[in-house]
Amino acid sequence: MINRSKQNWTVGAIVKVGFLSLTVIAVVATPGDFKPDAYVLSSKTALYEFVPHNGLHKIDADEARARIAQGKRTAEQQATAAIARASTTAAHAALVSTLLMTA
């Protein structure tokens, strides 16, 4: 997500990219490709994908749906991994606590 900007890049906000004023439709996390997060943007007549430092590309509705769906899948995978790590940490803490009580 773009943090250091004078513009608000949250979903529903209007941003200026070049000379275009576009509405942010979705923020798509892109872990693993070493690029910044992608943004699906909309004008009154077209859809665009914007990746900071890589530019603005016009996309069609199917591509927009695919990008948003991929972003949701990625977010779900990250949440599942975080829950698994937290569970492992909690189990380890419980084991250590039990071992300390028996010592």
N, C-alpha and C. Protein backbone atom coordinates (compact mmCIF):
# COMPACT_ATOMS: atom_id res chain seq x y z
N MET A 1 0.85 -1.17 0.00
CA MET A 1 0.00 0.00 0.00
C MET A 1 0.89 1.23 0.00
N ILE A 2 0.50 2.22 -0.76
CA ILE A 2 1.25 3.46 -0.83
C ILE A 2 1.01 4.23 0.46
N ASN A 3 2.11 4.51 1.19
CA ASN A 3 2.00 5.20 2.47
C ASN A 3 2.50 6.64 2.40
N ARG A 4 3.59 6.83 1.69
CA ARG A 4 4.25 8.13 1.67
C ARG A 4 3.81 8.93 0.45
N SER A 5 2.58 9.37 0.48
CA SER A 5 2.03 10.12 -0.64
C SER A 5 1.08 11.16 -0.10
N LYS A 6 0.93 12.22 -0.84
CA LYS A 6 -0.04 13.25 -0.46
C LYS A 6 -1.45 12.80 -0.79
N GLN A 7 -1.56 11.75 -1.63
CA GLN A 7 -2.87 11.25 -2.03
C GLN A 7 -3.29 10.09 -1.13
N ASN A 8 -4.60 9.91 -1.03
CA ASN A 8 -5.18 8.82 -0.27
C ASN A 8 -5.40 7.65 -1.23
N TRP A 9 -4.72 6.51 -1.01
CA TRP A 9 -4.79 5.36 -1.92
C TRP A 9 -5.68 4.25 -1.36
N THR A 10 -6.65 4.58 -0.53
CA THR A 10 -7.57 3.56 -0.02
C THR A 10 -8.69 3.33 -1.02
N VAL A 11 -9.37 2.20 -0.89
CA VAL A 11 -10.46 1.86 -1.80
C VAL A 11 -11.54 2.94 -1.73
N GLY A 12 -11.97 3.41 -2.89
CA GLY A 12 -13.00 4.43 -2.99
C GLY A 12 -12.46 5.83 -3.15
N ALA A 13 -11.16 6.02 -2.88
CA ALA A 13 -10.56 7.35 -3.00
C ALA A 13 -10.30 7.70 -4.47
N ILE A 14 -10.27 8.98 -4.76
CA ILE A 14 -9.94 9.45 -6.10
C ILE A 14 -8.49 9.92 -6.08
N VAL A 15 -7.68 9.38 -7.01
CA VAL A 15 -6.26 9.72 -7.10
C VAL A 15 -5.95 10.26 -8.49
N LYS A 16 -4.88 11.02 -8.57
CA LYS A 16 -4.42 11.52 -9.85
C LYS A 16 -3.19 10.72 -10.26
N VAL A 17 -3.26 10.14 -11.44
CA VAL A 17 -2.11 9.44 -12.03
C VAL A 17 -1.87 10.13 -13.36
N GLY A 18 -0.78 10.85 -13.43
CA GLY A 18 -0.55 11.67 -14.62
C GLY A 18 -1.63 12.73 -14.70
N PHE A 19 -2.32 12.79 -15.82
CA PHE A 19 -3.40 13.77 -15.99
C PHE A 19 -4.77 13.16 -15.74
N LEU A 20 -4.82 11.87 -15.34
CA LEU A 20 -6.09 11.19 -15.11
C LEU A 20 -6.50 11.25 -13.64
N SER A 21 -7.77 11.45 -13.39
CA SER A 21 -8.34 11.31 -12.05
C SER A 21 -9.08 9.99 -12.04
N LEU A 22 -8.62 9.07 -11.19
CA LEU A 22 -9.15 7.72 -11.18
C LEU A 22 -9.60 7.33 -9.77
N THR A 23 -10.60 6.44 -9.71
CA THR A 23 -11.11 5.93 -8.44
C THR A 23 -10.43 4.60 -8.14
N VAL A 24 -9.96 4.44 -6.90
CA VAL A 24 -9.32 3.19 -6.48
C VAL A 24 -10.42 2.15 -6.25
N ILE A 25 -10.38 1.09 -7.02
CA ILE A 25 -11.36 0.00 -6.92
C ILE A 25 -10.87 -1.08 -5.96
N ALA A 26 -9.58 -1.44 -6.05
CA ALA A 26 -9.03 -2.49 -5.20
C ALA A 26 -7.52 -2.31 -5.06
N VAL A 27 -7.01 -2.76 -3.92
CA VAL A 27 -5.57 -2.84 -3.69
C VAL A 27 -5.22 -4.32 -3.72
N VAL A 28 -4.29 -4.70 -4.60
CA VAL A 28 -3.95 -6.10 -4.78
C VAL A 28 -2.51 -6.32 -4.30
N ALA A 29 -2.36 -7.05 -3.20
CA ALA A 29 -1.03 -7.36 -2.68
C ALA A 29 -0.31 -8.27 -3.67
N THR A 30 0.98 -8.02 -3.85
CA THR A 30 1.75 -8.81 -4.81
C THR A 30 3.01 -9.36 -4.16
N PRO A 31 2.87 -10.22 -3.15
CA PRO A 31 4.07 -10.76 -2.51
C PRO A 31 4.78 -11.73 -3.44
N GLY A 32 6.09 -11.77 -3.30
CA GLY A 32 6.86 -12.75 -4.07
C GLY A 32 7.39 -12.24 -5.39
N ASP A 33 6.81 -11.18 -5.94
CA ASP A 33 7.33 -10.68 -7.22
C ASP A 33 8.23 -9.47 -7.05
N PHE A 34 8.46 -9.06 -5.80
CA PHE A 34 9.35 -7.96 -5.45
C PHE A 34 8.95 -6.63 -6.07
N LYS A 35 7.67 -6.49 -6.42
CA LYS A 35 7.13 -5.24 -6.92
C LYS A 35 6.21 -4.66 -5.86
N PRO A 36 5.93 -3.35 -5.94
CA PRO A 36 4.95 -2.78 -5.01
C PRO A 36 3.56 -3.36 -5.28
N ASP A 37 2.65 -3.14 -4.34
CA ASP A 37 1.27 -3.59 -4.52
C ASP A 37 0.68 -2.95 -5.78
N ALA A 38 -0.24 -3.68 -6.39
CA ALA A 38 -0.92 -3.18 -7.58
C ALA A 38 -2.26 -2.57 -7.17
N TYR A 39 -2.75 -1.67 -7.97
CA TYR A 39 -4.02 -1.00 -7.71
C TYR A 39 -4.89 -1.14 -8.95
N VAL A 40 -6.14 -1.53 -8.76
CA VAL A 40 -7.11 -1.53 -9.85
C VAL A 40 -7.86 -0.21 -9.74
N LEU A 41 -7.80 0.57 -10.82
CA LEU A 41 -8.37 1.92 -10.83
C LEU A 41 -9.42 2.02 -11.93
N SER A 42 -10.33 2.98 -11.78
CA SER A 42 -11.39 3.15 -12.76
C SER A 42 -11.58 4.62 -13.10
N SER A 43 -11.77 4.87 -14.39
CA SER A 43 -12.24 6.18 -14.83
C SER A 43 -13.72 5.99 -15.15
N LYS A 44 -14.33 6.96 -15.77
CA LYS A 44 -15.75 6.81 -16.13
C LYS A 44 -15.95 5.78 -17.22
N THR A 45 -14.90 5.50 -18.02
CA THR A 45 -15.08 4.63 -19.18
C THR A 45 -14.13 3.45 -19.25
N ALA A 46 -13.10 3.40 -18.40
CA ALA A 46 -12.09 2.34 -18.54
C ALA A 46 -11.57 1.89 -17.18
N LEU A 47 -10.95 0.72 -17.19
CA LEU A 47 -10.30 0.17 -15.99
C LEU A 47 -8.79 0.15 -16.23
N TYR A 48 -8.04 0.37 -15.17
CA TYR A 48 -6.59 0.40 -15.27
C TYR A 48 -5.97 -0.36 -14.12
N GLU A 49 -4.74 -0.83 -14.35
CA GLU A 49 -3.93 -1.39 -13.28
C GLU A 49 -2.73 -0.47 -13.13
N PHE A 50 -2.45 -0.07 -11.89
CA PHE A 50 -1.32 0.80 -11.62
C PHE A 50 -0.40 0.12 -10.64
N VAL A 51 0.88 0.01 -11.01
CA VAL A 51 1.92 -0.50 -10.11
C VAL A 51 2.96 0.62 -10.00
N PRO A 52 3.17 1.16 -8.80
CA PRO A 52 4.15 2.24 -8.67
C PRO A 52 5.51 1.85 -9.26
N HIS A 53 6.10 2.76 -9.97
CA HIS A 53 7.40 2.61 -10.63
C HIS A 53 7.34 1.70 -11.86
N ASN A 54 6.18 1.11 -12.15
CA ASN A 54 6.04 0.27 -13.34
C ASN A 54 4.97 0.78 -14.29
N GLY A 55 4.17 1.72 -13.85
CA GLY A 55 3.26 2.39 -14.76
C GLY A 55 1.80 1.99 -14.66
N LEU A 56 1.04 2.61 -15.55
CA LEU A 56 -0.40 2.46 -15.63
C LEU A 56 -0.72 1.69 -16.90
N HIS A 57 -1.54 0.64 -16.78
CA HIS A 57 -1.90 -0.18 -17.94
C HIS A 57 -3.41 -0.33 -17.99
N LYS A 58 -3.95 -0.16 -19.17
CA LYS A 58 -5.39 -0.34 -19.36
C LYS A 58 -5.69 -1.83 -19.35
N ILE A 59 -6.74 -2.24 -18.61
CA ILE A 59 -7.14 -3.64 -18.54
C ILE A 59 -8.64 -3.73 -18.80
N ASP A 60 -9.09 -4.94 -19.13
CA ASP A 60 -10.53 -5.13 -19.33
C ASP A 60 -11.15 -5.68 -18.04
N ALA A 61 -12.45 -5.84 -18.04
CA ALA A 61 -13.19 -6.26 -16.85
C ALA A 61 -12.75 -7.64 -16.36
N ASP A 62 -12.49 -8.56 -17.29
CA ASP A 62 -12.06 -9.90 -16.90
C ASP A 62 -10.70 -9.87 -16.21
N GLU A 63 -9.78 -9.06 -16.73
CA GLU A 63 -8.46 -8.94 -16.09
C GLU A 63 -8.59 -8.32 -14.71
N ALA A 64 -9.47 -7.33 -14.56
CA ALA A 64 -9.68 -6.70 -13.26
C ALA A 64 -10.22 -7.72 -12.26
N ARG A 65 -11.20 -8.50 -12.69
CA ARG A 65 -11.75 -9.54 -11.80
C ARG A 65 -10.67 -10.55 -11.39
N ALA A 66 -9.85 -10.96 -12.36
CA ALA A 66 -8.78 -11.93 -12.09
C ALA A 66 -7.76 -11.36 -11.11
N ARG A 67 -7.37 -10.10 -11.27
CA ARG A 67 -6.39 -9.47 -10.38
C ARG A 67 -6.95 -9.39 -8.95
N ILE A 68 -8.21 -8.98 -8.83
CA ILE A 68 -8.83 -8.85 -7.51
C ILE A 68 -8.97 -10.22 -6.85
N ALA A 69 -9.38 -11.23 -7.62
CA ALA A 69 -9.51 -12.59 -7.08
C ALA A 69 -8.15 -13.12 -6.62
N GLN A 70 -7.10 -12.87 -7.40
CA GLN A 70 -5.76 -13.30 -7.01
C GLN A 70 -5.33 -12.61 -5.72
N GLY A 71 -5.64 -11.34 -5.60
CA GLY A 71 -5.32 -10.60 -4.38
C GLY A 71 -6.03 -11.17 -3.16
N LYS A 72 -7.30 -11.56 -3.34
CA LYS A 72 -8.04 -12.17 -2.23
C LYS A 72 -7.44 -13.51 -1.85
N ARG A 73 -7.07 -14.32 -2.85
CA ARG A 73 -6.45 -15.62 -2.56
C ARG A 73 -5.14 -15.43 -1.81
N THR A 74 -4.35 -14.46 -2.23
CA THR A 74 -3.07 -14.18 -1.57
C THR A 74 -3.30 -13.75 -0.12
N ALA A 75 -4.27 -12.88 0.10
CA ALA A 75 -4.57 -12.42 1.46
C ALA A 75 -5.02 -13.59 2.34
N GLU A 76 -5.83 -14.48 1.79
CA GLU A 76 -6.29 -15.65 2.55
C GLU A 76 -5.11 -16.57 2.90
N GLN A 77 -4.19 -16.77 1.95
CA GLN A 77 -3.02 -17.61 2.20
C GLN A 77 -2.14 -16.99 3.29
N GLN A 78 -1.96 -15.67 3.24
CA GLN A 78 -1.16 -15.00 4.26
C GLN A 78 -1.82 -15.10 5.63
N ALA A 79 -3.14 -14.97 5.68
CA ALA A 79 -3.85 -15.07 6.95
C ALA A 79 -3.74 -16.48 7.52
N THR A 80 -3.89 -17.49 6.66
CA THR A 80 -3.77 -18.87 7.10
C THR A 80 -2.37 -19.15 7.64
N ALA A 81 -1.36 -18.65 6.96
CA ALA A 81 0.02 -18.85 7.42
C ALA A 81 0.26 -18.15 8.76
N ALA A 82 -0.28 -16.95 8.92
CA ALA A 82 -0.12 -16.22 10.18
C ALA A 82 -0.80 -16.95 11.33
N ILE A 83 -1.99 -17.50 11.07
CA ILE A 83 -2.70 -18.26 12.10
C ILE A 83 -1.91 -19.51 12.48
N ALA A 84 -1.33 -20.19 11.48
CA ALA A 84 -0.54 -21.38 11.76
C ALA A 84 0.69 -21.04 12.60
N ARG A 85 1.36 -19.92 12.27
CA ARG A 85 2.53 -19.49 13.05
C ARG A 85 2.12 -19.15 14.48
N ALA A 86 1.00 -18.47 14.65
CA ALA A 86 0.53 -18.11 15.99
C ALA A 86 0.18 -19.36 16.79
N SER A 87 -0.43 -20.33 16.14
CA SER A 87 -0.78 -21.58 16.81
C SER A 87 0.47 -22.32 17.27
N THR A 88 1.46 -22.37 16.42
CA THR A 88 2.72 -23.03 16.76
C THR A 88 3.39 -22.32 17.93
N THR A 89 3.40 -21.00 17.90
CA THR A 89 4.00 -20.21 18.99
C THR A 89 3.25 -20.44 20.30
N ALA A 90 1.93 -20.48 20.24
CA ALA A 90 1.13 -20.71 21.45
C ALA A 90 1.38 -22.11 22.00
N ALA A 91 1.47 -23.09 21.13
CA ALA A 91 1.73 -24.46 21.58
C ALA A 91 3.10 -24.56 22.23
N HIS A 92 4.08 -23.88 21.65
CA HIS A 92 5.43 -23.88 22.22
C HIS A 92 5.44 -23.21 23.59
N ALA A 93 4.74 -22.08 23.71
CA ALA A 93 4.68 -21.37 24.99
C ALA A 93 4.02 -22.25 26.05
N ALA A 94 2.96 -22.97 25.68
CA ALA A 94 2.28 -23.86 26.62
C ALA A 94 3.22 -24.98 27.07
N LEU A 95 3.99 -25.53 26.13
CA LEU A 95 4.94 -26.59 26.47
C LEU A 95 6.01 -26.07 27.42
N VAL A 96 6.55 -24.90 27.13
CA VAL A 96 7.58 -24.32 28.01
C VAL A 96 7.01 -24.08 29.39
N SER A 97 5.80 -23.56 29.47
CA SER A 97 5.17 -23.31 30.76
C SER A 97 5.00 -24.61 31.54
N THR A 98 4.56 -25.66 30.86
CA THR A 98 4.40 -26.95 31.50
C THR A 98 5.73 -27.49 32.00
N LEU A 99 6.76 -27.36 31.19
CA LEU A 99 8.09 -27.84 31.58
C LEU A 99 8.64 -27.06 32.75
N LEU A 100 8.37 -25.76 32.79
CA LEU A 100 8.86 -24.95 33.91
C LEU A 100 8.15 -25.33 35.20
N MET A 101 6.88 -25.70 35.11
CA MET A 101 6.13 -26.07 36.32
C MET A 101 6.60 -27.42 36.87
N THR A 102 7.04 -28.30 36.00
CA THR A 102 7.49 -29.62 36.47
C THR A 102 8.93 -29.60 36.96
N ALA A 103 9.66 -28.57 36.64
CA ALA A 103 11.07 -28.52 37.03
C ALA A 103 11.25 -28.11 38.46
